[in-house]
């Protein structure tokens, strides 16, 4: 399940208000993001990226794995 911020509120990927099941899934994802961030303050953009990574599908996971494991590509992305 993917979530996004619209008009300052978290909604489902389709833009609808979260139902009770989605709210529980969202809360679980948010706890993971907060645990990872520790005491750091995160921007909306960073939270969105982390939520997308947490809720990615298998194709996205393979793409991320390729980028992370390809040293020359990851250096270009990090330093440019």
Protein backbone atom coordinates (compact mmCIF):
# COMPACT_ATOMS: atom_id res chain seq x y z
CA UNK A 1 0.00 0.00 0.00
CA UNK A 2 1.31 3.43 -0.88
CA UNK A 3 0.44 6.68 0.84
CA UNK A 4 0.95 10.34 -0.06
CA UNK A 5 0.37 13.80 1.37
CA UNK A 6 -2.40 15.85 -0.22
CA UNK A 7 -3.33 19.26 1.21
CA UNK A 8 -1.36 18.47 4.37
CA UNK A 9 -3.13 15.14 5.02
CA UNK A 10 -2.05 11.56 4.43
CA UNK A 11 -4.25 9.74 1.93
CA UNK A 12 -4.14 6.47 0.00
CA UNK A 13 -2.37 6.34 -3.38
CA UNK A 14 -5.73 6.92 -5.07
CA UNK A 15 -6.21 10.14 -3.05
CA UNK A 16 -9.01 8.79 -0.86
CA UNK A 17 -9.23 9.15 2.91
CA UNK A 18 -7.55 6.22 4.68
CA UNK A 19 -9.90 3.45 5.77
CA UNK A 20 -9.21 1.69 9.12
CA UNK A 21 -7.08 -1.08 7.55
CA UNK A 22 -5.04 1.44 5.55
CA UNK A 23 -4.62 3.57 8.67
CA UNK A 24 -3.05 0.61 10.50
CA UNK A 25 -0.73 -0.10 7.53
CA UNK A 26 0.18 3.58 7.37
CA UNK A 27 0.94 3.71 11.09
CA UNK A 28 3.21 0.66 10.76
CA UNK A 29 5.10 2.29 7.87
CA UNK A 30 5.40 5.58 9.71
CA UNK A 31 6.84 3.84 12.77
CA UNK A 32 9.52 2.27 10.54
CA UNK A 33 10.40 5.66 9.03
CA UNK A 34 10.59 7.32 12.45
CA UNK A 35 12.76 4.47 13.80
CA UNK A 36 15.14 4.81 10.83
CA UNK A 37 15.32 8.62 11.10
CA UNK A 38 16.04 8.62 14.83
CA UNK A 39 16.35 12.20 16.09
CA UNK A 40 16.73 13.71 12.61
CA UNK A 41 14.09 16.06 11.27
CA UNK A 42 12.87 14.81 7.88
CA UNK A 43 11.39 16.92 5.10
CA UNK A 44 8.14 15.88 3.42
CA UNK A 45 10.15 14.84 0.37
CA UNK A 46 12.42 12.53 2.38
CA UNK A 47 9.46 10.97 4.17
CA UNK A 48 7.71 10.43 0.84
CA UNK A 49 10.79 8.72 -0.65
CA UNK A 50 11.16 6.48 2.40
CA UNK A 51 7.47 5.54 2.33
CA UNK A 52 7.78 4.73 -1.39
CA UNK A 53 10.77 2.49 -0.70
CA UNK A 54 8.97 0.72 2.15
CA UNK A 55 5.95 0.10 -0.04
CA UNK A 56 7.72 -0.69 -3.31
CA UNK A 57 6.89 -3.63 -5.53
CA UNK A 58 9.32 -6.31 -6.73
CA UNK A 59 10.25 -4.44 -9.92
CA UNK A 60 11.15 -1.30 -7.97
CA UNK A 61 13.13 -3.40 -5.49
CA UNK A 62 15.17 -4.89 -8.35
CA UNK A 63 15.81 -1.41 -9.79
CA UNK A 64 16.92 -0.03 -6.42
CA UNK A 65 19.15 -3.05 -5.88
CA UNK A 66 20.75 -2.51 -9.29
CA UNK A 67 21.43 1.17 -8.59
CA UNK A 68 22.85 0.52 -5.13
CA UNK A 69 25.04 -2.37 -6.29
CA UNK A 70 26.32 -0.59 -9.43
CA UNK A 71 29.20 1.46 -7.97
CA UNK A 72 29.76 3.78 -10.94
CA UNK A 73 26.04 4.52 -11.29
CA UNK A 74 25.48 5.11 -7.57
CA UNK A 75 28.49 7.49 -7.43
CA UNK A 76 27.03 9.53 -10.30
CA UNK A 77 23.66 9.73 -8.56
CA UNK A 78 25.16 10.69 -5.21
CA UNK A 79 27.65 13.31 -6.39
CA UNK A 80 25.68 14.96 -9.18
